N, C-alpha and C. Protein backbone atom coordinates (compact mmCIF):
# COMPACT_ATOMS: atom_id res chain seq x y z
N UNK A 1 93.72 105.32 78.41
CA UNK A 1 94.74 104.35 78.70
C UNK A 1 95.51 104.12 77.32
N UNK A 2 97.00 103.80 77.86
CA UNK A 2 97.76 103.60 76.42
C UNK A 2 97.96 102.05 76.13
N UNK A 3 97.20 101.90 75.00
CA UNK A 3 97.56 100.35 74.57
C UNK A 3 98.76 100.15 73.76
N UNK A 4 98.87 99.00 73.48
CA UNK A 4 100.20 98.52 72.61
C UNK A 4 99.89 99.34 71.16
N UNK A 5 98.79 99.11 70.63
CA UNK A 5 98.76 99.66 69.47
C UNK A 5 98.83 101.20 69.29
N UNK A 6 98.42 101.93 70.18
CA UNK A 6 98.59 103.18 70.18
C UNK A 6 100.15 103.75 70.52
N UNK A 7 100.94 103.04 71.43
CA UNK A 7 102.31 103.16 71.70
C UNK A 7 103.12 102.85 70.38
N UNK A 8 102.67 101.61 69.57
CA UNK A 8 103.41 101.30 68.63
C UNK A 8 103.29 102.18 67.50
N UNK A 9 102.03 102.86 67.22
CA UNK A 9 101.80 103.92 66.24
C UNK A 9 102.71 105.16 66.49
N UNK A 10 102.79 105.33 67.58
CA UNK A 10 103.74 106.69 68.21
C UNK A 10 105.24 106.32 67.87
N UNK A 11 105.68 104.96 68.17
CA UNK A 11 106.84 104.85 67.95
C UNK A 11 107.36 104.78 66.56
N UNK A 12 106.46 104.34 65.55
CA UNK A 12 106.71 104.38 64.22
C UNK A 12 106.88 105.95 63.85
N UNK A 13 105.88 106.81 64.31
CA UNK A 13 106.15 108.14 64.04
C UNK A 13 107.37 108.88 64.42
N UNK A 14 108.18 108.53 65.49
CA UNK A 14 109.16 109.31 65.99
C UNK A 14 110.51 108.31 66.12
N UNK A 15 110.48 107.34 65.74
CA UNK A 15 111.61 106.19 65.95
C UNK A 15 112.82 106.82 65.19
N UNK A 16 112.64 107.55 63.94
CA UNK A 16 113.86 108.02 63.50
C UNK A 16 114.48 109.31 64.13
N UNK A 17 113.64 109.77 65.14
CA UNK A 17 114.19 111.04 66.06
C UNK A 17 114.69 110.37 67.28
N UNK A 18 114.60 109.30 67.52
CA UNK A 18 114.83 108.80 68.75
C UNK A 18 116.38 108.40 68.90
N UNK A 19 116.94 108.52 69.98
CA UNK A 19 118.40 107.90 70.02
C UNK A 19 118.29 106.25 69.67
N UNK A 20 119.46 105.86 68.85
CA UNK A 20 119.15 104.44 68.47
C UNK A 20 118.77 103.65 69.62
N UNK A 21 119.67 103.75 70.62
CA UNK A 21 119.25 102.60 71.82
C UNK A 21 118.00 102.67 72.35
N UNK A 22 117.56 103.92 72.54
CA UNK A 22 116.33 104.06 73.10
C UNK A 22 115.28 103.52 72.36
N UNK A 23 115.32 103.78 71.03
CA UNK A 23 114.23 103.16 70.21
C UNK A 23 114.29 101.65 70.21
N UNK A 24 115.47 101.07 70.31
CA UNK A 24 115.48 99.66 70.36
C UNK A 24 115.05 99.15 71.50
N UNK A 25 115.26 99.77 72.83
CA UNK A 25 114.78 99.30 73.78
C UNK A 25 113.32 99.38 73.86
N UNK A 26 112.84 100.53 73.27
CA UNK A 26 111.44 100.53 73.39
C UNK A 26 110.59 99.57 72.34
N UNK A 27 111.39 99.33 71.13
CA UNK A 27 110.81 98.35 70.26
C UNK A 27 110.96 96.84 70.95
N UNK A 28 111.71 96.48 71.67
CA UNK A 28 111.81 95.46 72.43
C UNK A 28 110.55 95.40 73.43
N UNK A 29 110.44 96.48 74.20
CA UNK A 29 109.56 96.51 75.27
C UNK A 29 108.18 96.51 74.63
N UNK A 30 108.00 97.13 73.49
CA UNK A 30 106.42 96.99 73.18
C UNK A 30 106.18 95.49 72.44
N UNK A 31 107.18 94.86 71.99
CA UNK A 31 107.04 93.62 71.45
C UNK A 31 106.61 92.44 72.59
N UNK A 32 107.10 92.73 73.94
CA UNK A 32 106.81 91.75 74.88
C UNK A 32 105.54 92.49 75.66
N UNK A 33 105.20 93.58 75.41
CA UNK A 33 103.84 94.08 75.95
C UNK A 33 102.77 93.51 75.07
N UNK A 34 103.00 93.45 73.60
CA UNK A 34 102.09 92.76 72.94
C UNK A 34 101.86 91.41 73.26
N UNK A 35 102.88 90.74 73.52
CA UNK A 35 102.96 89.44 73.92
C UNK A 35 101.98 88.99 75.28
N UNK A 36 102.35 89.98 76.19
CA UNK A 36 101.63 89.99 77.37
C UNK A 36 99.90 90.06 77.25
N UNK A 37 99.70 91.09 76.35
CA UNK A 37 98.28 91.48 76.08
C UNK A 37 97.51 90.12 75.70
N UNK A 38 98.30 89.11 74.84
CA UNK A 38 97.81 87.97 74.39
C UNK A 38 97.49 86.88 75.39
N UNK A 39 97.84 87.31 76.59
CA UNK A 39 97.92 86.11 77.37
C UNK A 39 96.73 86.51 78.67
N UNK A 40 95.61 87.12 78.30
CA UNK A 40 94.42 87.45 79.26
C UNK A 40 94.18 86.39 80.36
N UNK A 41 94.20 85.16 79.90
CA UNK A 41 93.55 84.15 80.50
C UNK A 41 94.81 83.33 81.49
N UNK A 42 96.08 83.64 81.14
CA UNK A 42 97.14 83.05 82.20
C UNK A 42 97.88 84.14 82.65
N UNK A 43 97.72 84.28 84.03
CA UNK A 43 98.21 85.34 84.80
C UNK A 43 99.57 85.19 84.85
N UNK A 44 100.03 83.88 85.08
CA UNK A 44 101.33 83.49 85.30
C UNK A 44 102.26 84.08 84.12
N UNK A 45 101.84 83.50 82.90
CA UNK A 45 102.57 84.09 81.65
C UNK A 45 102.44 85.62 81.61
N UNK A 46 101.45 86.09 81.90
CA UNK A 46 101.06 87.67 81.50
C UNK A 46 102.01 88.43 82.48
N UNK A 47 102.15 87.97 83.68
CA UNK A 47 103.04 88.76 84.55
C UNK A 47 104.51 88.39 84.22
N UNK A 48 104.97 87.34 83.64
CA UNK A 48 106.33 87.09 83.12
C UNK A 48 106.51 87.80 81.91
N UNK A 49 105.58 87.98 81.08
CA UNK A 49 105.99 88.76 79.73
C UNK A 49 105.75 90.38 80.09
N UNK A 50 105.10 90.82 80.86
CA UNK A 50 104.94 92.06 81.36
C UNK A 50 106.21 92.54 82.23
N UNK A 51 106.84 91.57 82.91
CA UNK A 51 108.25 92.14 83.51
C UNK A 51 109.32 92.13 82.49
N UNK A 52 109.14 90.90 81.47
CA UNK A 52 110.20 91.42 80.36
C UNK A 52 110.18 92.61 79.62
N UNK A 53 108.91 93.11 79.45
CA UNK A 53 108.74 94.17 78.79
C UNK A 53 109.37 95.57 79.69
N UNK A 54 109.12 95.45 80.75
CA UNK A 54 109.49 96.12 81.72
C UNK A 54 110.96 96.29 81.87
N UNK A 55 111.67 95.07 81.72
CA UNK A 55 113.07 94.88 81.69
C UNK A 55 113.70 95.30 80.67
N UNK A 56 113.05 95.08 79.42
CA UNK A 56 113.50 95.60 78.22
C UNK A 56 113.75 97.14 78.10
N UNK A 57 112.80 97.72 78.76
CA UNK A 57 112.90 99.13 78.60
C UNK A 57 113.86 99.74 79.50
N UNK A 58 114.29 99.23 80.98
CA UNK A 58 114.99 100.01 81.74
C UNK A 58 116.53 99.31 81.96
N UNK A 59 116.45 97.90 81.34
CA UNK A 59 117.87 97.54 81.67
C UNK A 59 118.90 97.86 80.33
N UNK A 60 119.87 98.77 80.70
CA UNK A 60 120.94 99.17 79.90
C UNK A 60 122.15 98.84 80.23
N UNK A 61 123.29 98.84 79.58
CA UNK A 61 124.57 98.27 79.75
C UNK A 61 125.06 99.22 80.75
N UNK A 62 125.74 98.54 81.70
CA UNK A 62 126.59 99.17 82.97
C UNK A 62 127.75 98.42 83.29
N UNK A 63 128.82 99.09 82.86
CA UNK A 63 130.24 98.39 83.02
C UNK A 63 130.46 97.64 84.24
N UNK A 64 130.01 98.21 85.40
CA UNK A 64 130.37 97.66 86.72
C UNK A 64 128.96 97.11 87.01
N UNK A 65 128.26 96.28 86.20
CA UNK A 65 127.03 95.95 86.79
C UNK A 65 126.58 95.23 87.86
N UNK A 66 127.68 94.18 88.20
CA UNK A 66 127.56 93.41 89.37
C UNK A 66 127.40 94.44 90.68
N UNK A 67 128.34 95.24 90.92
CA UNK A 67 128.56 95.98 91.98
C UNK A 67 127.52 97.28 92.20
N UNK A 68 127.00 97.75 91.05
CA UNK A 68 126.04 98.51 90.97
C UNK A 68 124.59 97.82 91.44
N UNK A 69 124.29 96.83 91.04
CA UNK A 69 123.04 96.12 91.49
C UNK A 69 121.78 96.19 90.73
N UNK A 70 121.06 95.18 90.36
CA UNK A 70 119.85 95.24 89.79
C UNK A 70 118.81 96.27 90.61
N UNK A 71 118.62 96.13 91.87
CA UNK A 71 117.94 96.91 92.61
C UNK A 71 118.23 98.44 92.37
N UNK A 72 119.43 98.91 92.39
CA UNK A 72 119.82 100.23 92.40
C UNK A 72 119.44 100.55 91.01
N UNK A 73 119.80 99.95 89.90
CA UNK A 73 119.58 100.42 88.58
C UNK A 73 118.04 100.51 88.40
N UNK A 74 117.07 99.67 88.79
CA UNK A 74 115.79 99.91 88.88
C UNK A 74 115.31 101.05 89.47
N UNK A 75 115.89 101.45 90.75
CA UNK A 75 115.60 102.54 91.58
C UNK A 75 115.81 103.90 90.79
N UNK A 76 116.96 103.89 90.14
CA UNK A 76 117.45 105.10 89.51
C UNK A 76 116.60 105.31 88.21
N UNK A 77 116.21 104.22 87.66
CA UNK A 77 115.12 104.16 86.47
C UNK A 77 113.81 104.89 86.98
N UNK A 78 113.26 104.29 88.17
CA UNK A 78 112.09 104.74 88.60
C UNK A 78 112.34 106.42 88.86
N UNK A 79 113.49 106.70 89.33
CA UNK A 79 113.66 108.17 89.72
C UNK A 79 113.39 108.98 88.38
N UNK A 80 114.03 108.64 87.26
CA UNK A 80 113.91 109.37 86.11
C UNK A 80 112.65 109.33 85.73
N UNK A 81 111.97 108.34 85.92
CA UNK A 81 110.35 108.26 85.28
C UNK A 81 109.67 109.42 85.94
N UNK A 82 109.78 109.37 87.25
CA UNK A 82 108.95 110.44 88.34
C UNK A 82 109.13 111.90 87.98
N UNK A 83 110.60 112.02 87.57
CA UNK A 83 111.22 113.38 87.27
C UNK A 83 110.36 113.92 85.99
N UNK A 84 110.24 113.17 84.98
CA UNK A 84 109.91 113.54 83.81
C UNK A 84 108.34 113.59 83.66
N UNK A 85 107.48 112.87 84.67
CA UNK A 85 106.14 112.73 84.44
C UNK A 85 105.31 113.74 84.72
N UNK A 86 105.51 114.89 83.89
CA UNK A 86 104.94 116.17 84.04
C UNK A 86 103.26 116.19 83.97
N UNK A 87 102.79 114.97 83.22
CA UNK A 87 101.42 114.88 83.19
C UNK A 87 100.89 114.17 84.40
N UNK A 88 101.76 113.61 85.34
CA UNK A 88 101.20 112.91 86.52
C UNK A 88 100.73 111.57 86.22
N UNK A 89 100.99 111.05 85.13
CA UNK A 89 100.52 109.62 84.93
C UNK A 89 100.70 108.76 85.95
N UNK A 90 102.01 108.53 86.47
CA UNK A 90 102.26 107.65 87.40
C UNK A 90 101.55 108.09 88.67
N UNK A 91 101.71 109.19 89.18
CA UNK A 91 101.18 109.58 90.18
C UNK A 91 99.49 109.38 90.39
N UNK A 92 98.74 109.45 89.38
CA UNK A 92 97.47 109.08 89.32
C UNK A 92 97.29 107.79 89.40
N UNK A 93 97.98 107.04 88.67
CA UNK A 93 97.94 105.45 88.67
C UNK A 93 98.07 105.03 90.19
N UNK A 94 99.10 105.36 90.72
CA UNK A 94 99.42 105.09 92.22
C UNK A 94 98.35 105.50 93.16
N UNK A 95 97.91 106.52 93.14
CA UNK A 95 97.19 107.19 94.06
C UNK A 95 95.73 107.00 93.87
N UNK A 96 95.06 106.87 92.41
CA UNK A 96 93.69 106.95 92.34
C UNK A 96 93.22 105.78 91.96
N UNK A 97 94.26 104.85 91.15
CA UNK A 97 93.89 103.50 90.53
C UNK A 97 94.22 102.16 91.76
N UNK A 98 95.45 102.18 92.18
CA UNK A 98 95.74 101.15 93.00
C UNK A 98 96.16 101.50 94.46
N UNK A 99 95.75 102.33 95.14
CA UNK A 99 96.07 102.40 96.53
C UNK A 99 95.82 101.11 97.24
N UNK A 100 94.67 100.34 97.04
CA UNK A 100 94.39 99.23 97.81
C UNK A 100 95.26 98.03 97.60
N UNK A 101 95.67 97.65 96.10
CA UNK A 101 96.30 96.93 95.91
C UNK A 101 97.63 97.01 96.39
N UNK A 102 98.32 98.28 96.23
CA UNK A 102 99.53 98.55 96.75
C UNK A 102 99.72 98.54 98.37
N UNK A 103 98.71 98.72 99.07
CA UNK A 103 98.74 98.21 100.59
C UNK A 103 98.80 96.98 100.83
N UNK A 104 98.00 96.01 100.10
CA UNK A 104 98.03 94.60 100.10
C UNK A 104 99.48 94.06 99.83
N UNK A 105 100.05 94.55 98.83
CA UNK A 105 101.35 93.96 98.46
C UNK A 105 102.22 94.30 99.59
N UNK A 106 102.17 95.38 99.94
CA UNK A 106 103.07 95.91 101.22
C UNK A 106 102.84 94.98 102.54
N UNK A 107 101.69 94.54 102.87
CA UNK A 107 101.30 93.73 103.85
C UNK A 107 101.53 92.30 103.74
N UNK A 108 101.94 91.86 102.40
CA UNK A 108 101.88 90.46 101.96
C UNK A 108 103.37 89.89 102.16
N UNK A 109 103.50 88.89 103.11
CA UNK A 109 104.79 88.48 103.47
C UNK A 109 105.47 87.79 102.52
N UNK A 110 104.65 87.20 101.53
CA UNK A 110 105.01 86.13 100.53
C UNK A 110 105.68 86.89 99.40
N UNK A 111 105.65 88.14 99.36
CA UNK A 111 106.45 88.85 98.30
C UNK A 111 107.47 89.78 99.13
N UNK A 112 107.81 89.39 100.47
CA UNK A 112 108.95 90.12 101.12
C UNK A 112 110.17 89.13 101.19
N UNK A 113 111.23 89.43 100.52
CA UNK A 113 112.34 88.51 100.42
C UNK A 113 112.89 87.94 101.77
N UNK A 114 112.90 88.81 102.94
CA UNK A 114 113.37 88.21 104.21
C UNK A 114 112.45 87.00 104.74
N UNK A 115 111.18 87.00 104.29
CA UNK A 115 110.47 85.95 104.81
C UNK A 115 110.87 84.61 104.32
N UNK A 116 111.32 84.63 103.17
CA UNK A 116 112.13 83.46 102.57
C UNK A 116 113.29 82.98 103.09
N UNK A 117 114.08 84.04 103.24
CA UNK A 117 115.34 83.91 104.02
C UNK A 117 115.02 83.30 105.33
N UNK A 118 114.20 83.70 105.97
CA UNK A 118 113.74 82.98 107.30
C UNK A 118 113.24 81.57 106.94
N UNK A 119 112.60 81.30 106.11
CA UNK A 119 111.97 79.95 105.84
C UNK A 119 113.13 79.09 105.40
N UNK A 120 114.18 79.54 104.97
CA UNK A 120 115.41 78.82 104.57
C UNK A 120 116.52 78.75 105.47
N UNK A 121 116.20 79.29 106.63
CA UNK A 121 117.13 79.18 108.00
C UNK A 121 118.15 80.15 107.78
N UNK A 122 118.02 81.29 107.12
CA UNK A 122 119.12 82.36 107.00
C UNK A 122 118.80 83.73 107.99
N UNK A 123 117.56 83.63 108.47
CA UNK A 123 117.24 84.38 109.48
C UNK A 123 116.41 83.98 110.64
N UNK A 124 116.47 84.40 111.84
CA UNK A 124 115.52 83.84 112.74
C UNK A 124 114.30 84.60 112.84
N UNK A 125 113.22 84.07 113.54
CA UNK A 125 111.94 84.74 113.53
C UNK A 125 111.69 86.32 114.06
N UNK A 126 112.62 86.44 114.87
CA UNK A 126 112.73 87.79 115.49
C UNK A 126 113.27 88.88 114.59
N UNK A 127 114.16 88.47 113.76
CA UNK A 127 114.69 89.33 112.80
C UNK A 127 113.93 89.57 111.70
N UNK A 128 113.21 88.61 111.26
CA UNK A 128 112.24 88.64 110.25
C UNK A 128 111.35 89.59 110.49
N UNK A 129 110.50 89.50 111.78
CA UNK A 129 109.37 90.16 112.16
C UNK A 129 109.96 91.78 112.32
N UNK A 130 111.31 91.88 112.82
CA UNK A 130 111.76 93.47 113.03
C UNK A 130 111.97 93.90 111.50
N UNK A 131 112.45 93.21 110.64
CA UNK A 131 112.63 93.67 109.19
C UNK A 131 111.22 94.04 108.36
N UNK A 132 110.34 93.08 108.75
CA UNK A 132 108.95 92.95 107.96
C UNK A 132 108.24 94.58 108.77
N UNK A 133 108.24 94.55 109.76
CA UNK A 133 107.85 95.80 110.53
C UNK A 133 108.38 97.09 110.00
N UNK A 134 109.63 96.94 110.01
CA UNK A 134 110.54 98.21 109.50
C UNK A 134 109.99 98.57 108.10
N UNK A 135 109.93 97.58 107.12
CA UNK A 135 109.69 97.93 105.79
C UNK A 135 108.22 98.23 105.81
N UNK A 136 107.33 97.60 106.46
CA UNK A 136 106.00 98.34 106.29
C UNK A 136 105.64 99.66 106.99
N UNK A 137 106.56 99.83 107.70
CA UNK A 137 106.39 101.39 108.45
C UNK A 137 106.97 102.21 107.43
N UNK A 138 108.17 102.09 106.75
CA UNK A 138 108.59 102.95 106.03
C UNK A 138 107.81 103.07 104.68
N UNK A 139 107.27 101.88 104.26
CA UNK A 139 106.22 102.11 103.06
C UNK A 139 104.82 102.98 103.39
N UNK A 140 104.58 102.79 104.67
CA UNK A 140 103.33 103.38 104.75
C UNK A 140 103.83 104.98 105.32
N UNK A 141 104.85 105.47 105.53
CA UNK A 141 105.30 106.66 105.67
C UNK A 141 105.22 107.15 104.30
N UNK A 142 105.88 106.62 103.48
CA UNK A 142 105.86 106.92 101.95
C UNK A 142 104.18 107.24 101.40
N UNK A 143 103.48 106.30 101.86
CA UNK A 143 102.10 106.39 101.25
C UNK A 143 101.71 107.54 102.14
N UNK A 144 101.98 107.78 103.40
CA UNK A 144 101.35 109.08 103.97
C UNK A 144 101.80 110.43 103.34
N UNK A 145 102.93 110.35 102.81
CA UNK A 145 103.60 111.53 102.11
C UNK A 145 103.40 111.70 100.66
N UNK A 146 102.43 110.71 100.07
CA UNK A 146 102.26 110.42 98.79
C UNK A 146 103.50 110.78 97.95
N UNK A 147 104.40 109.74 98.30
CA UNK A 147 105.73 110.00 97.58
C UNK A 147 105.81 108.78 96.60
N UNK A 148 105.61 109.22 95.25
CA UNK A 148 105.19 108.38 94.30
C UNK A 148 106.44 107.59 93.93
N UNK A 149 107.63 108.32 94.02
CA UNK A 149 108.97 107.48 93.54
C UNK A 149 109.23 106.44 94.58
N UNK A 150 109.05 106.74 95.87
CA UNK A 150 109.45 105.73 96.86
C UNK A 150 108.56 104.77 97.03
N UNK A 151 106.96 104.92 96.72
CA UNK A 151 106.06 103.76 96.77
C UNK A 151 106.21 102.90 95.49
N UNK A 152 106.43 103.46 94.41
CA UNK A 152 106.92 102.69 93.39
C UNK A 152 108.10 101.76 93.29
N UNK A 153 109.19 102.28 94.13
CA UNK A 153 110.39 101.23 94.35
C UNK A 153 109.97 100.35 95.45
N UNK A 154 109.20 100.57 96.34
CA UNK A 154 108.73 99.54 97.25
C UNK A 154 107.96 98.38 96.46
N UNK A 155 107.01 99.12 95.67
CA UNK A 155 106.08 98.07 95.07
C UNK A 155 107.06 97.23 93.97
N UNK A 156 107.92 97.76 93.21
CA UNK A 156 108.65 97.17 92.34
C UNK A 156 109.61 96.10 93.07
N UNK A 157 110.05 96.44 94.33
CA UNK A 157 110.76 95.70 95.15
C UNK A 157 109.96 94.36 95.40
N UNK A 158 108.68 94.56 95.82
CA UNK A 158 107.81 93.36 96.17
C UNK A 158 107.57 92.55 94.84
N UNK A 159 107.43 93.06 93.89
CA UNK A 159 106.84 92.23 92.72
C UNK A 159 108.18 91.63 92.01
N UNK A 160 109.42 92.13 92.43
CA UNK A 160 110.85 91.54 92.00
C UNK A 160 110.78 90.16 92.64
N UNK A 161 110.29 90.23 93.86
CA UNK A 161 110.37 88.75 94.61
C UNK A 161 109.48 87.83 93.94
N UNK A 162 108.29 88.48 93.45
CA UNK A 162 107.28 87.44 92.61
C UNK A 162 107.92 87.09 91.26
N UNK A 163 108.34 88.00 90.60
CA UNK A 163 109.25 87.76 89.59
C UNK A 163 110.18 86.52 89.63
N UNK A 164 111.04 86.67 90.74
CA UNK A 164 112.04 85.43 91.02
C UNK A 164 111.32 84.35 91.33
N UNK A 165 110.11 84.33 91.91
CA UNK A 165 109.60 83.04 92.28
C UNK A 165 108.87 82.37 90.85
N UNK A 166 108.66 83.11 90.05
CA UNK A 166 108.01 82.59 88.91
C UNK A 166 109.21 82.16 87.86
N UNK A 167 110.10 83.25 87.60
CA UNK A 167 111.14 82.84 86.61
C UNK A 167 112.18 81.76 86.93
N UNK A 168 112.37 81.80 88.25
CA UNK A 168 113.50 80.77 89.03
C UNK A 168 112.85 79.54 89.41
N UNK A 169 111.58 79.35 88.76
CA UNK A 169 110.83 77.89 89.32
C UNK A 169 110.42 77.75 90.61
N UNK A 170 110.49 78.96 91.45
CA UNK A 170 110.00 78.80 93.01
C UNK A 170 108.46 78.79 92.84
N UNK A 171 107.67 78.64 91.95
CA UNK A 171 106.30 78.50 92.03
C UNK A 171 105.67 77.48 91.19
N UNK A 172 104.69 77.06 91.36
CA UNK A 172 103.83 76.23 90.59
C UNK A 172 103.10 76.90 89.58
N UNK A 173 103.08 76.47 88.05
CA UNK A 173 102.25 77.22 87.18
C UNK A 173 100.68 77.26 87.54
N UNK A 174 99.91 78.18 87.56
CA UNK A 174 98.75 78.42 87.98
C UNK A 174 98.44 77.53 89.52
N UNK A 175 99.34 78.05 90.22
CA UNK A 175 99.08 77.70 91.64
C UNK A 175 97.90 78.42 92.29
N UNK A 176 97.40 77.62 93.23
CA UNK A 176 96.26 78.32 94.28
C UNK A 176 96.76 79.19 95.16
N UNK A 177 98.09 78.91 95.51
CA UNK A 177 98.77 79.64 96.69
C UNK A 177 99.09 81.28 96.54
N UNK A 178 99.18 81.58 95.34
CA UNK A 178 99.91 82.99 95.08
C UNK A 178 98.92 83.72 94.12
N UNK A 179 97.65 83.36 94.33
CA UNK A 179 96.99 84.15 93.30
C UNK A 179 96.65 85.51 93.67
N UNK A 180 96.48 86.08 94.83
CA UNK A 180 96.32 87.25 95.43
C UNK A 180 97.45 88.25 94.75
N UNK A 181 98.79 87.91 95.31
CA UNK A 181 99.83 88.78 94.84
C UNK A 181 99.98 88.83 93.29
N UNK A 182 99.55 87.58 92.66
CA UNK A 182 99.86 87.56 91.05
C UNK A 182 98.75 88.40 90.42
N UNK A 183 97.55 88.27 90.73
CA UNK A 183 96.43 89.26 90.45
C UNK A 183 96.80 90.56 90.40
N UNK A 184 97.11 90.92 91.61
CA UNK A 184 97.39 92.49 91.78
C UNK A 184 98.87 93.04 91.05
N UNK A 185 99.66 92.03 91.08
CA UNK A 185 100.88 92.30 90.30
C UNK A 185 100.51 92.61 88.93
N UNK A 186 99.86 91.52 88.16
CA UNK A 186 99.60 91.66 86.77
C UNK A 186 98.86 93.14 86.46
N UNK A 187 97.71 93.49 87.49
CA UNK A 187 96.99 94.70 87.41
C UNK A 187 97.74 95.73 87.42
N UNK A 188 98.74 95.90 88.28
CA UNK A 188 99.77 97.22 88.24
C UNK A 188 100.63 97.16 87.30
N UNK A 189 101.09 95.94 86.80
CA UNK A 189 102.44 96.04 85.75
C UNK A 189 101.62 96.35 84.26
N UNK A 190 100.44 95.83 84.17
CA UNK A 190 99.47 96.24 83.04
C UNK A 190 99.37 97.51 82.67
N UNK A 191 99.36 98.16 83.86
CA UNK A 191 98.83 99.68 83.88
C UNK A 191 100.13 100.48 83.78
N UNK A 192 101.19 100.11 84.38
CA UNK A 192 102.47 101.09 84.64
C UNK A 192 103.30 100.88 83.18
N UNK A 193 103.44 99.67 82.82
CA UNK A 193 104.53 99.33 81.68
C UNK A 193 103.99 100.31 80.49
N UNK A 194 102.93 100.39 79.99
CA UNK A 194 102.72 101.22 78.96
C UNK A 194 102.95 102.62 79.21
N UNK A 195 102.60 103.04 80.52
CA UNK A 195 103.03 104.43 80.70
C UNK A 195 104.51 104.76 80.74
N UNK A 196 105.21 103.64 81.35
CA UNK A 196 106.80 103.67 81.14
C UNK A 196 107.27 103.68 79.79
N UNK A 197 106.64 103.01 78.95
CA UNK A 197 107.13 103.12 77.42
C UNK A 197 106.70 104.49 77.07
N UNK A 198 105.59 105.01 77.25
CA UNK A 198 105.23 106.25 76.77
C UNK A 198 106.09 107.42 77.23
N UNK A 199 106.48 107.43 78.58
CA UNK A 199 107.57 108.48 79.09
C UNK A 199 108.82 108.32 78.65
N UNK A 200 109.34 107.13 78.25
CA UNK A 200 110.65 107.04 77.41
C UNK A 200 110.51 107.65 76.21
N UNK A 201 109.68 107.45 75.45
CA UNK A 201 109.61 107.95 74.01
C UNK A 201 109.43 109.31 74.16
N UNK A 202 108.69 109.98 75.14
CA UNK A 202 108.55 111.54 75.17
C UNK A 202 109.74 112.08 75.76
N UNK A 203 110.59 111.48 76.51
CA UNK A 203 111.80 112.31 77.02
C UNK A 203 112.59 111.35 77.01
N UNK A 204 113.46 110.96 75.58
CA UNK A 204 114.38 109.96 75.24
C UNK A 204 115.57 110.32 75.87
N UNK A 205 115.94 111.73 75.97
CA UNK A 205 117.40 112.13 76.35
C UNK A 205 117.50 111.65 77.73
N UNK A 206 116.41 111.50 78.76
CA UNK A 206 116.69 111.11 80.04
C UNK A 206 116.98 109.59 80.18
N UNK A 207 116.97 108.79 79.00
CA UNK A 207 116.91 107.33 79.27
C UNK A 207 118.01 107.01 78.31
N UNK A 208 118.97 107.67 78.14
CA UNK A 208 120.03 107.09 77.39
C UNK A 208 120.78 106.07 77.88
N UNK A 209 121.17 104.99 77.19
CA UNK A 209 121.98 103.82 77.79
C UNK A 209 121.68 102.92 76.71
N UNK A 210 123.01 102.23 76.43
CA UNK A 210 122.88 101.03 75.62
C UNK A 210 122.33 99.72 76.02
N UNK A 211 121.59 99.15 75.21
CA UNK A 211 121.00 97.69 75.62
C UNK A 211 122.01 96.74 75.94
N UNK A 212 121.62 95.99 76.95
CA UNK A 212 122.68 94.88 77.29
C UNK A 212 123.17 93.93 76.15
N UNK A 213 122.13 93.66 75.22
CA UNK A 213 122.35 92.84 74.11
C UNK A 213 122.07 93.67 72.97
N UNK A 214 122.80 94.27 72.38
CA UNK A 214 122.47 95.10 71.04
C UNK A 214 122.40 94.21 69.86
N UNK A 215 121.78 94.82 68.88
CA UNK A 215 121.84 94.03 67.68
C UNK A 215 122.94 93.98 66.83
N UNK A 216 123.06 92.74 66.60
CA UNK A 216 124.63 92.32 65.71
C UNK A 216 124.14 92.21 64.41
N UNK A 217 124.74 92.75 63.43
CA UNK A 217 124.74 92.53 61.98
C UNK A 217 125.51 90.91 61.87
């Protein structure tokens, strides 16, 4: 397992060889991963800090960012990760460690954004059911094909909804009603984020991109 300390030592060894932007994004991601590790007793805080670490790793400057879209940026990043993962670290994590948790996320309507659109009157019940069923069928086809990239995109799509609930104040701290998805989200993110940081350091040329907020002297 990749711990913060192991990854930080690796970053110190190679940071002078890394493109400056990749080194900065990695450095920032590691700082938030360390903070997440300090929140073992607070699942809400740990998930938020893990997401910031993930965001620090993948978010780079795109001039037409609004039209490109956060989801498309995230999907492109996941594609790069699966393409460079010759050690099959992501593959083994998805298929050996978290198949049950991933299935539970797929079946959990509370991390499916159209459910909340329905609750807020933007969808009728029939359309919600159609979308949820279609989403689950697509997810299970990806699971059947053992399509790691597609499954990761679906998982992070679900976790993105959970992230929005927490960051935008759409959930109560330490609430009893979202513990299942939060528990699974923390477990998955705590395993995946260190792997993502490791892969970025191993294949920096595939992750070129200026951070959205560069260091200013």
